[in-house]
Amino acid sequence: MAKKKDNKRDKKDRRGQPEARDAAPASGLVASEAATEPKAKMSNKEFEKKLEKFQAELVKMQQWVTATGAKVCVVFEGRDTAGKGGVIKRISERVSPRVFRVVALPAPTEREKSQMYFQRYMSHLPAAGEVVIFDRSWYNRAGVERVMGYATEEQVEYFLKNVPPVENAMIDSGIILIKYWLEVSMENQDERLRARDEDPRKIWKLSPMDIKSYTHWYDYSRARDAMFAATDTPKSPWYVVDANDKRRARLNCIAHLLSLVPYEEVPREPIKWPKRQGKGDYVEPDYPYRMVPAIY
């Protein structure tokens, strides 16, 4: 009888969201390739209203992480322009950067190239009371390095073979490891890349690597498929986010992340604000401050 109740309770988390394994597409297709009815565009007002609630939950999660010493590691991978940076920004913008650390490593140095491949990432894994978000990760080897020829096939195969035991060791050490793959259609990627070229606010996002990889759509698809086949394990699964609609992708991803971390609201005492000190003999100086012009 108890077992039956547990199974029923596991179907939904405490906020009524589906259990985590139901959030990813059940078939081998990515979400953007499934035949689904397109939804109406979400207004910015609706998006911000829903986001505000999720960001409040992220603050509760932060308080729980610091109080319990939990260790959370979130990996974001995906195609160029899929919106990894946008999701990460929305996750991290209302929480403490001392708790939520975003790791976006540059190209490896010559010294790092000579190290064991996983070595440069290990030092960035979370300690107690931290949430570490990887904006691209050790999976560079399975994606860009493989497609662009920066790693040999032997190196890639060795990597794919050894990722599961390395990630199992992370999890066994107490790290909550969550892996997201953001997927966009070829048409949306093309539109977003061209928008970067035309918008002076976005031109910095258009890297030489984006141009080089532009013609390798199906090479990246093959690399993704091989990566999933080798590293999408029951203990450390991949969760696919349909990122064709940016606003919905951000909300869906944050809601799913919250459902995977077993946080609880940490009680806190109401603040009793002390009385401000009196002015006493303080006199405002007649000082020629250099004021910023109030032109707006």
C-alpha atoms as a PDB file:
ATOM      1  CA  MET A   1       0.000   0.000   0.000  1.00  0.00           C
ATOM      2  CA  ALA A   2       2.798   2.387   0.901  1.00  0.00           C
ATOM      3  CA  LYS A   3       4.536   1.666  -2.378  1.00  0.00           C
ATOM      4  CA  LYS A   4       1.407   2.602  -4.307  1.00  0.00           C
ATOM      5  CA  LYS A   5       1.158   5.935  -2.475  1.00  0.00           C
ATOM      6  CA  ASP A   6       4.831   6.700  -3.152  1.00  0.00           C
ATOM      7  CA  ASN A   7       4.397   6.059  -6.875  1.00  0.00           C
ATOM      8  CA  LYS A   8       1.393   8.354  -6.960  1.00  0.00           C
ATOM      9  CA  ARG A   9       3.202  11.096  -5.089  1.00  0.00           C
ATOM     10  CA  ASP A  10       6.257  10.839  -7.375  1.00  0.00           C
ATOM     11  CA  LYS A  11       4.238  11.720 -10.445  1.00  0.00           C
ATOM     12  CA  LYS A  12       4.176  15.388  -9.476  1.00  0.00           C
ATOM     13  CA  ASP A  13       6.469  17.518  -7.432  1.00  0.00           C
ATOM     14  CA  ARG A  14       5.269  19.793  -4.646  1.00  0.00           C
ATOM     15  CA  ARG A  15       4.401  22.613  -7.063  1.00  0.00           C
ATOM     16  CA  GLY A  16       2.295  20.392  -9.282  1.00  0.00           C
ATOM     17  CA  GLN A  17       4.851  20.146 -12.081  1.00  0.00           C
ATOM     18  CA  PRO A  18       5.357  16.902 -14.031  1.00  0.00           C
ATOM     19  CA  GLU A  19       8.117  14.642 -12.809  1.00  0.00           C
ATOM     20  CA  ALA A  20      11.457  15.440 -14.417  1.00  0.00           C
ATOM     21  CA  ARG A  21      11.719  12.480 -16.772  1.00  0.00           C
ATOM     22  CA  ASP A  22       8.435  13.429 -18.435  1.00  0.00           C
ATOM     23  CA  ALA A  23       9.742  16.894 -19.363  1.00  0.00           C
ATOM     24  CA  ALA A  24      12.044  15.719 -22.166  1.00  0.00           C
ATOM     25  CA  PRO A  25      10.716  14.412 -25.495  1.00  0.00           C
ATOM     26  CA  ALA A  26       9.864  10.725 -25.263  1.00  0.00           C
ATOM     27  CA  SER A  27      11.032   9.929 -28.772  1.00  0.00           C
ATOM     28  CA  GLY A  28      14.478  10.214 -30.313  1.00  0.00           C
ATOM     29  CA  LEU A  29      13.459  13.432 -32.047  1.00  0.00           C
ATOM     30  CA  VAL A  30      14.330  16.793 -30.573  1.00  0.00           C
ATOM     31  CA  ALA A  31      11.376  18.928 -29.602  1.00  0.00           C
ATOM     32  CA  SER A  32      11.730  21.291 -32.565  1.00  0.00           C
ATOM     33  CA  GLU A  33      11.390  18.391 -35.003  1.00  0.00           C
ATOM     34  CA  ALA A  34       8.206  17.004 -33.476  1.00  0.00           C
ATOM     35  CA  ALA A  35       4.912  17.679 -35.199  1.00  0.00           C
ATOM     36  CA  THR A  36       3.328  20.004 -32.652  1.00  0.00           C
ATOM     37  CA  GLU A  37       0.732  22.754 -32.975  1.00  0.00           C
ATOM     38  CA  PRO A  38       2.494  26.164 -32.946  1.00  0.00           C
ATOM     39  CA  LYS A  39       1.507  28.359 -30.005  1.00  0.00           C
ATOM     40  CA  ALA A  40       0.639  32.021 -30.159  1.00  0.00           C
ATOM     41  CA  LYS A  41       3.486  34.397 -29.407  1.00  0.00           C
ATOM     42  CA  MET A  42       3.813  35.092 -25.678  1.00  0.00           C
ATOM     43  CA  SER A  43       3.698  38.767 -24.790  1.00  0.00           C
ATOM     44  CA  ASN A  44       6.574  40.282 -22.866  1.00  0.00           C
ATOM     45  CA  LYS A  45       4.160  41.258 -20.070  1.00  0.00           C
ATOM     46  CA  GLU A  46       3.011  37.662 -19.637  1.00  0.00           C
ATOM     47  CA  PHE A  47       6.591  36.416 -19.832  1.00  0.00           C
ATOM     48  CA  GLU A  48       7.876  38.823 -17.179  1.00  0.00           C
ATOM     49  CA  LYS A  49       4.965  38.013 -14.857  1.00  0.00           C
ATOM     50  CA  LYS A  50       5.680  34.278 -14.998  1.00  0.00           C
ATOM     51  CA  LEU A  51       9.419  34.827 -14.806  1.00  0.00           C
ATOM     52  CA  GLU A  52       9.084  36.888 -11.630  1.00  0.00           C
ATOM     53  CA  LYS A  53       7.506  33.923  -9.834  1.00  0.00           C
ATOM     54  CA  PHE A  54      10.206  31.536 -11.019  1.00  0.00           C
ATOM     55  CA  GLN A  55      12.976  33.924  -9.995  1.00  0.00           C
ATOM     56  CA  ALA A  56      11.456  34.135  -6.524  1.00  0.00           C
ATOM     57  CA  GLU A  57      11.641  30.334  -6.398  1.00  0.00           C
ATOM     58  CA  LEU A  58      15.283  30.472  -7.493  1.00  0.00           C
ATOM     59  CA  VAL A  59      15.998  32.726  -4.509  1.00  0.00           C
ATOM     60  CA  LYS A  60      14.340  30.143  -2.246  1.00  0.00           C
ATOM     61  CA  MET A  61      16.499  27.491  -3.873  1.00  0.00           C
ATOM     62  CA  GLN A  62      19.573  29.641  -3.243  1.00  0.00           C
ATOM     63  CA  GLN A  63      18.706  29.951   0.460  1.00  0.00           C
ATOM     64  CA  TRP A  64      18.261  26.172   0.683  1.00  0.00           C
ATOM     65  CA  VAL A  65      21.566  25.498  -1.082  1.00  0.00           C
ATOM     66  CA  THR A  66      23.497  27.741   1.299  1.00  0.00           C
ATOM     67  CA  ALA A  67      21.674  26.422   4.380  1.00  0.00           C
ATOM     68  CA  THR A  68      22.140  22.740   3.534  1.00  0.00           C
ATOM     69  CA  GLY A  69      25.512  22.842   1.772  1.00  0.00           C
ATOM     70  CA  ALA A  70      24.025  21.338  -1.372  1.00  0.00           C
ATOM     71  CA  LYS A  71      26.118  21.194  -4.559  1.00  0.00           C
ATOM     72  CA  VAL A  72      24.352  21.820  -7.872  1.00  0.00           C
ATOM     73  CA  CYS A  73      25.965  21.720 -11.324  1.00  0.00           C
ATOM     74  CA  VAL A  74      23.952  22.716 -14.393  1.00  0.00           C
ATOM     75  CA  VAL A  75      25.381  22.167 -17.878  1.00  0.00           C
ATOM     76  CA  PHE A  76      24.044  24.079 -20.889  1.00  0.00           C
ATOM     77  CA  GLU A  77      24.891  22.848 -24.366  1.00  0.00           C
ATOM     78  CA  GLY A  78      23.213  23.286 -27.722  1.00  0.00           C
ATOM     79  CA  ARG A  79      23.429  24.688 -31.184  1.00  0.00           C
ATOM     80  CA  ASP A  80      24.730  28.183 -31.864  1.00  0.00           C
ATOM     81  CA  THR A  81      22.012  30.828 -31.238  1.00  0.00           C
ATOM     82  CA  ALA A  82      19.902  28.327 -29.271  1.00  0.00           C
ATOM     83  CA  GLY A  83      19.712  30.838 -26.425  1.00  0.00           C
ATOM     84  CA  LYS A  84      21.944  29.339 -23.751  1.00  0.00           C
ATOM     85  CA  GLY A  85      23.111  32.773 -22.643  1.00  0.00           C
ATOM     86  CA  GLY A  86      19.556  34.080 -22.410  1.00  0.00           C
ATOM     87  CA  VAL A  87      18.402  31.232 -20.180  1.00  0.00           C
ATOM     88  CA  ILE A  88      21.485  31.538 -17.982  1.00  0.00           C
ATOM     89  CA  LYS A  89      20.970  35.300 -17.654  1.00  0.00           C
ATOM     90  CA  ARG A  90      17.380  34.832 -16.508  1.00  0.00           C
ATOM     91  CA  ILE A  91      18.433  32.182 -13.987  1.00  0.00           C
ATOM     92  CA  SER A  92      21.279  34.208 -12.523  1.00  0.00           C
ATOM     93  CA  GLU A  93      20.102  37.835 -12.684  1.00  0.00           C
ATOM     94  CA  ARG A  94      18.145  37.838  -9.384  1.00  0.00           C
ATOM     95  CA  VAL A  95      20.369  35.575  -7.285  1.00  0.00           C
ATOM     96  CA  SER A  96      23.768  36.045  -5.665  1.00  0.00           C
ATOM     97  CA  PRO A  97      26.789  35.569  -7.964  1.00  0.00           C
ATOM     98  CA  ARG A  98      28.617  34.198  -4.918  1.00  0.00           C
ATOM     99  CA  VAL A  99      26.181  31.267  -4.839  1.00  0.00           C
ATOM    100  CA  PHE A 100      25.240  30.966  -8.515  1.00  0.00           C
ATOM    101  CA  ARG A 101      28.560  30.945 -10.392  1.00  0.00           C
ATOM    102  CA  VAL A 102      28.484  31.050 -14.191  1.00  0.00           C
ATOM    103  CA  VAL A 103      31.449  29.353 -15.852  1.00  0.00           C
ATOM    104  CA  ALA A 104      32.173  30.155 -19.512  1.00  0.00           C
ATOM    105  CA  LEU A 105      35.730  29.061 -20.191  1.00  0.00           C
ATOM    106  CA  PRO A 106      37.769  30.508 -23.084  1.00  0.00           C
ATOM    107  CA  ALA A 107      39.768  28.383 -25.493  1.00  0.00           C
ATOM    108  CA  PRO A 108      42.312  26.233 -23.618  1.00  0.00           C
ATOM    109  CA  THR A 109      45.862  27.475 -23.189  1.00  0.00           C
ATOM    110  CA  GLU A 110      48.838  25.455 -24.375  1.00  0.00           C
ATOM    111  CA  ARG A 111      49.347  24.256 -20.808  1.00  0.00           C
ATOM    112  CA  GLU A 112      45.701  23.189 -20.502  1.00  0.00           C
ATOM    113  CA  LYS A 113      45.913  21.345 -23.814  1.00  0.00           C
ATOM    114  CA  SER A 114      48.634  19.166 -22.276  1.00  0.00           C
ATOM    115  CA  GLN A 115      46.512  18.262 -19.227  1.00  0.00           C
ATOM    116  CA  MET A 116      44.065  15.430 -18.824  1.00  0.00           C
ATOM    117  CA  TYR A 117      41.014  16.673 -20.725  1.00  0.00           C
ATOM    118  CA  PHE A 118      38.640  16.892 -17.751  1.00  0.00           C
ATOM    119  CA  GLN A 119      41.236  18.605 -15.563  1.00  0.00           C
ATOM    120  CA  ARG A 120      40.437  22.233 -16.471  1.00  0.00           C
ATOM    121  CA  TYR A 121      36.776  21.718 -15.638  1.00  0.00           C
ATOM    122  CA  MET A 122      37.217  19.935 -12.304  1.00  0.00           C
ATOM    123  CA  SER A 123      38.354  23.040 -10.423  1.00  0.00           C
ATOM    124  CA  HIS A 124      35.095  24.788 -11.354  1.00  0.00           C
ATOM    125  CA  LEU A 125      32.763  22.131  -9.963  1.00  0.00           C
ATOM    126  CA  PRO A 126      30.601  23.299  -7.049  1.00  0.00           C
ATOM    127  CA  ALA A 127      31.676  23.155  -3.432  1.00  0.00           C
ATOM    128  CA  ALA A 128      29.122  23.006  -0.620  1.00  0.00           C
ATOM    129  CA  GLY A 129      26.569  25.804  -0.887  1.00  0.00           C
ATOM    130  CA  GLU A 130      27.169  26.561  -4.568  1.00  0.00           C
ATOM    131  CA  VAL A 131      25.287  26.339  -7.857  1.00  0.00           C
ATOM    132  CA  VAL A 132      27.636  26.259 -10.841  1.00  0.00           C
ATOM    133  CA  ILE A 133      26.233  26.881 -14.319  1.00  0.00           C
ATOM    134  CA  PHE A 134      28.414  25.862 -17.264  1.00  0.00           C
ATOM    135  CA  ASP A 135      27.835  27.900 -20.426  1.00  0.00           C
ATOM    136  CA  ARG A 136      29.283  25.097 -22.529  1.00  0.00           C
ATOM    137  CA  SER A 137      31.341  22.509 -20.742  1.00  0.00           C
ATOM    138  CA  TRP A 138      33.491  19.418 -21.124  1.00  0.00           C
ATOM    139  CA  TYR A 139      31.080  18.484 -23.910  1.00  0.00           C
ATOM    140  CA  ASN A 140      32.972  20.845 -26.212  1.00  0.00           C
ATOM    141  CA  ARG A 141      34.969  17.761 -27.142  1.00  0.00           C
ATOM    142  CA  ALA A 142      31.877  15.962 -28.380  1.00  0.00           C
ATOM    143  CA  GLY A 143      30.620  19.003 -30.312  1.00  0.00           C
ATOM    144  CA  VAL A 144      32.689  21.864 -31.669  1.00  0.00           C
ATOM    145  CA  GLU A 145      36.058  20.137 -31.228  1.00  0.00           C
ATOM    146  CA  ARG A 146      34.847  17.088 -33.118  1.00  0.00           C
ATOM    147  CA  VAL A 147      33.062  18.948 -35.907  1.00  0.00           C
ATOM    148  CA  MET A 148      35.777  21.545 -36.472  1.00  0.00           C
ATOM    149  CA  GLY A 149      38.646  19.053 -36.279  1.00  0.00           C
ATOM    150  CA  TYR A 150      40.209  20.302 -33.035  1.00  0.00           C
ATOM    151  CA  ALA A 151      40.168  16.773 -31.628  1.00  0.00           C
ATOM    152  CA  THR A 152      40.933  13.452 -33.312  1.00  0.00           C
ATOM    153  CA  GLU A 153      38.301  10.742 -33.603  1.00  0.00           C
ATOM    154  CA  GLU A 154      40.335   8.673 -31.141  1.00  0.00           C
ATOM    155  CA  GLN A 155      40.229  11.508 -28.606  1.00  0.00           C
ATOM    156  CA  VAL A 156      36.483  11.921 -29.097  1.00  0.00           C
ATOM    157  CA  GLU A 157      35.795   8.208 -28.708  1.00  0.00           C
ATOM    158  CA  TYR A 158      37.933   8.099 -25.561  1.00  0.00           C
ATOM    159  CA  PHE A 159      36.025  11.087 -24.206  1.00  0.00           C
ATOM    160  CA  LEU A 160      32.579   9.611 -24.909  1.00  0.00           C
ATOM    161  CA  LYS A 161      33.596   6.318 -23.305  1.00  0.00           C
ATOM    162  CA  ASN A 162      34.822   8.000 -20.118  1.00  0.00           C
ATOM    163  CA  VAL A 163      32.169  10.686 -19.586  1.00  0.00           C
ATOM    164  CA  PRO A 164      29.645   8.383 -17.857  1.00  0.00           C
ATOM    165  CA  PRO A 165      32.058   7.141 -15.146  1.00  0.00           C
ATOM    166  CA  VAL A 166      33.371  10.685 -14.559  1.00  0.00           C
ATOM    167  CA  GLU A 167      29.835  12.052 -14.201  1.00  0.00           C
ATOM    168  CA  ASN A 168      28.883   9.101 -11.989  1.00  0.00           C
ATOM    169  CA  ALA A 169      31.785  10.051  -9.715  1.00  0.00           C
ATOM    170  CA  MET A 170      30.485  13.632  -9.553  1.00  0.00           C
ATOM    171  CA  ILE A 171      27.016  12.433  -8.616  1.00  0.00           C
ATOM    172  CA  ASP A 172      28.344   9.926  -6.074  1.00  0.00           C
ATOM    173  CA  SER A 173      30.253  12.786  -4.418  1.00  0.00           C
ATOM    174  CA  GLY A 174      26.936  14.539  -3.760  1.00  0.00           C
ATOM    175  CA  ILE A 175      26.695  16.862  -6.786  1.00  0.00           C
ATOM    176  CA  ILE A 176      23.250  17.327  -8.314  1.00  0.00           C
ATOM    177  CA  LEU A 177      24.209  17.218 -12.010  1.00  0.00           C
ATOM    178  CA  ILE A 178      21.685  18.520 -14.540  1.00  0.00           C
ATOM    179  CA  LYS A 179      22.377  18.612 -18.283  1.00  0.00           C
ATOM    180  CA  TYR A 180      20.387  20.659 -20.817  1.00  0.00           C
ATOM    181  CA  TRP A 181      20.584  20.617 -24.600  1.00  0.00           C
ATOM    182  CA  LEU A 182      18.913  23.597 -26.324  1.00  0.00           C
ATOM    183  CA  GLU A 183      17.751  22.906 -29.844  1.00  0.00           C
ATOM    184  CA  VAL A 184      16.616  25.265 -32.609  1.00  0.00           C
ATOM    185  CA  SER A 185      15.567  24.663 -36.188  1.00  0.00           C
ATOM    186  CA  MET A 186      17.874  25.424 -39.077  1.00  0.00           C
ATOM    187  CA  GLU A 187      15.554  28.249 -40.171  1.00  0.00           C
ATOM    188  CA  ASN A 188      15.547  29.938 -36.759  1.00  0.00           C
ATOM    189  CA  GLN A 189      19.297  29.585 -36.403  1.00  0.00           C
ATOM    190  CA  ASP A 190      19.795  31.231 -39.781  1.00  0.00           C
ATOM    191  CA  GLU A 191      17.470  34.085 -38.849  1.00  0.00           C
ATOM    192  CA  ARG A 192      19.216  34.674 -35.513  1.00  0.00           C
ATOM    193  CA  LEU A 193      22.704  34.588 -37.007  1.00  0.00           C
ATOM    194  CA  ARG A 194      21.747  37.144 -39.648  1.00  0.00           C
ATOM    195  CA  ALA A 195      20.123  39.317 -36.979  1.00  0.00           C
ATOM    196  CA  ARG A 196      23.450  39.403 -35.133  1.00  0.00           C
ATOM    197  CA  ASP A 197      25.132  40.714 -38.247  1.00  0.00           C
ATOM    198  CA  GLU A 198      22.535  43.464 -38.716  1.00  0.00           C
ATOM    199  CA  ASP A 199      22.075  44.634 -35.112  1.00  0.00           C
ATOM    200  CA  PRO A 200      24.986  46.714 -33.699  1.00  0.00           C
ATOM    201  CA  ARG A 201      23.984  45.566 -30.197  1.00  0.00           C
ATOM    202  CA  LYS A 202      24.476  41.924 -31.138  1.00  0.00           C
ATOM    203  CA  ILE A 203      27.460  42.008 -33.489  1.00  0.00           C
ATOM    204  CA  TRP A 204      29.793  40.943 -30.661  1.00  0.00           C
ATOM    205  CA  LYS A 205      27.887  37.650 -30.476  1.00  0.00           C
ATOM    206  CA  LEU A 206      28.853  36.770 -34.050  1.00  0.00           C
ATOM    207  CA  SER A 207      32.194  35.011 -33.712  1.00  0.00           C
ATOM    208  CA  PRO A 208      34.459  33.631 -36.465  1.00  0.00           C
ATOM    209  CA  MET A 209      33.522  30.179 -35.158  1.00  0.00           C
ATOM    210  CA  ASP A 210      29.850  30.885 -35.879  1.00  0.00           C
ATOM    211  CA  ILE A 211      30.719  31.599 -39.504  1.00  0.00           C
ATOM    212  CA  LYS A 212      32.888  28.491 -39.797  1.00  0.00           C
ATOM    213  CA  SER A 213      30.276  26.229 -38.260  1.00  0.00           C
ATOM    214  CA  TYR A 214      27.434  27.689 -40.345  1.00  0.00           C
ATOM    215  CA  THR A 215      27.889  25.108 -43.096  1.00  0.00           C
ATOM    216  CA  HIS A 216      28.169  22.141 -40.707  1.00  0.00           C
ATOM    217  CA  TRP A 217      24.541  21.775 -39.600  1.00  0.00           C
ATOM    218  CA  TYR A 218      24.332  18.025 -40.183  1.00  0.00           C
ATOM    219  CA  ASP A 219      27.837  17.390 -38.880  1.00  0.00           C
ATOM    220  CA  TYR A 220      26.658  18.951 -35.627  1.00  0.00           C
ATOM    221  CA  SER A 221      23.509  16.811 -35.775  1.00  0.00           C
ATOM    222  CA  ARG A 222      25.619  13.650 -36.088  1.00  0.00           C
ATOM    223  CA  ALA A 223      27.873  14.802 -33.253  1.00  0.00           C
ATOM    224  CA  ARG A 224      24.826  15.495 -31.060  1.00  0.00           C
ATOM    225  CA  ASP A 225      23.357  12.085 -31.832  1.00  0.00           C
ATOM    226  CA  ALA A 226      26.605  10.297 -30.952  1.00  0.00           C
ATOM    227  CA  MET A 227      26.907  12.325 -27.750  1.00  0.00           C
ATOM    228  CA  PHE A 228      23.383  11.426 -26.663  1.00  0.00           C
ATOM    229  CA  ALA A 229      23.910   7.757 -27.468  1.00  0.00           C
ATOM    230  CA  ALA A 230      27.011   7.622 -25.267  1.00  0.00           C
ATOM    231  CA  THR A 231      26.180  10.003 -22.409  1.00  0.00           C
ATOM    232  CA  ASP A 232      22.382  10.093 -21.993  1.00  0.00           C
ATOM    233  CA  THR A 233      22.311   7.648 -19.088  1.00  0.00           C
ATOM    234  CA  PRO A 234      19.654   6.893 -16.460  1.00  0.00           C
ATOM    235  CA  LYS A 235      21.911   8.324 -13.777  1.00  0.00           C
ATOM    236  CA  SER A 236      22.950  11.421 -15.757  1.00  0.00           C
ATOM    237  CA  PRO A 237      20.327  12.097 -18.457  1.00  0.00           C
ATOM    238  CA  TRP A 238      20.135  14.861 -21.034  1.00  0.00           C
ATOM    239  CA  TYR A 239      17.056  17.102 -21.038  1.00  0.00           C
ATOM    240  CA  VAL A 240      16.169  18.695 -24.376  1.00  0.00           C
ATOM    241  CA  VAL A 241      14.710  22.195 -24.495  1.00  0.00           C
ATOM    242  CA  ASP A 242      12.791  23.327 -27.563  1.00  0.00           C
ATOM    243  CA  ALA A 243      14.409  26.747 -27.954  1.00  0.00           C
ATOM    244  CA  ASN A 244      12.611  27.946 -31.083  1.00  0.00           C
ATOM    245  CA  ASP A 245      10.469  30.220 -28.910  1.00  0.00           C
ATOM    246  CA  LYS A 246      12.933  32.035 -26.644  1.00  0.00           C
ATOM    247  CA  ARG A 247      10.472  33.175 -23.992  1.00  0.00           C
ATOM    248  CA  ARG A 248       8.820  29.791 -23.601  1.00  0.00           C
ATOM    249  CA  ALA A 249      12.205  28.061 -23.649  1.00  0.00           C
ATOM    250  CA  ARG A 250      13.426  30.177 -20.732  1.00  0.00           C
ATOM    251  CA  LEU A 251      10.304  29.571 -18.672  1.00  0.00           C
ATOM    252  CA  ASN A 252      10.185  25.854 -19.444  1.00  0.00           C
ATOM    253  CA  CYS A 253      13.841  25.386 -18.601  1.00  0.00           C
ATOM    254  CA  ILE A 254      13.698  27.273 -15.296  1.00  0.00           C
ATOM    255  CA  ALA A 255      10.510  25.469 -14.251  1.00  0.00           C
ATOM    256  CA  HIS A 256      12.159  22.142 -15.036  1.00  0.00           C
ATOM    257  CA  LEU A 257      15.350  23.061 -13.178  1.00  0.00           C
ATOM    258  CA  LEU A 258      13.333  23.959 -10.085  1.00  0.00           C
ATOM    259  CA  SER A 259      11.541  20.600 -10.279  1.00  0.00           C
ATOM    260  CA  LEU A 260      14.850  18.697 -10.211  1.00  0.00           C
ATOM    261  CA  VAL A 261      16.374  20.341  -7.135  1.00  0.00           C
ATOM    262  CA  PRO A 262      14.712  19.117  -3.896  1.00  0.00           C
ATOM    263  CA  TYR A 263      14.834  22.520  -2.228  1.00  0.00           C
ATOM    264  CA  GLU A 264      12.541  23.726   0.523  1.00  0.00           C
ATOM    265  CA  GLU A 265      11.838  27.230   1.724  1.00  0.00           C
ATOM    266  CA  VAL A 266      14.194  28.100   4.567  1.00  0.00           C
ATOM    267  CA  PRO A 267      12.353  29.909   7.398  1.00  0.00           C
ATOM    268  CA  ARG A 268      13.768  33.287   8.375  1.00  0.00           C
ATOM    269  CA  GLU A 269      13.041  35.660  11.199  1.00  0.00           C
ATOM    270  CA  PRO A 270      11.223  38.912  10.295  1.00  0.00           C
ATOM    271  CA  ILE A 271      13.602  41.864  10.232  1.00  0.00           C
ATOM    272  CA  LYS A 272      13.210  44.437  12.988  1.00  0.00           C
ATOM    273  CA  TRP A 273      14.582  47.636  11.520  1.00  0.00           C
ATOM    274  CA  PRO A 274      16.661  49.650  14.008  1.00  0.00           C
ATOM    275  CA  LYS A 275      16.159  53.374  14.508  1.00  0.00           C
ATOM    276  CA  ARG A 276      18.431  55.603  12.405  1.00  0.00           C
ATOM    277  CA  GLN A 277      20.942  57.761  14.230  1.00  0.00           C
ATOM    278  CA  GLY A 278      20.110  61.398  14.758  1.00  0.00           C
ATOM    279  CA  LYS A 279      21.633  64.177  12.669  1.00  0.00           C
ATOM    280  CA  GLY A 280      23.476  65.663  15.628  1.00  0.00           C
ATOM    281  CA  ASP A 281      25.911  68.397  14.621  1.00  0.00           C
ATOM    282  CA  TYR A 282      26.336  67.135  11.018  1.00  0.00           C
ATOM    283  CA  VAL A 283      26.111  69.930   8.376  1.00  0.00           C
ATOM    284  CA  GLU A 284      25.932  69.284   4.638  1.00  0.00           C
ATOM    285  CA  PRO A 285      29.115  70.740   3.079  1.00  0.00           C
ATOM    286  CA  ASP A 286      28.947  73.401   0.394  1.00  0.00           C
ATOM    287  CA  TYR A 287      30.972  71.233  -1.973  1.00  0.00           C
ATOM    288  CA  PRO A 288      31.117  71.661  -5.807  1.00  0.00           C
ATOM    289  CA  TYR A 289      30.077  68.100  -6.661  1.00  0.00           C
ATOM    290  CA  ARG A 290      30.573  67.059 -10.295  1.00  0.00           C
ATOM    291  CA  MET A 291      27.027  66.002 -11.025  1.00  0.00           C
ATOM    292  CA  VAL A 292      26.161  63.788 -13.957  1.00  0.00           C
ATOM    293  CA  PRO A 293      23.988  65.821 -16.373  1.00  0.00           C
ATOM    294  CA  ALA A 294      20.279  64.996 -15.933  1.00  0.00           C
ATOM    295  CA  ILE A 295      19.461  64.897 -19.638  1.00  0.00           C
ATOM    296  CA  TYR A 296      16.795  62.180 -19.340  1.00  0.00           C
END
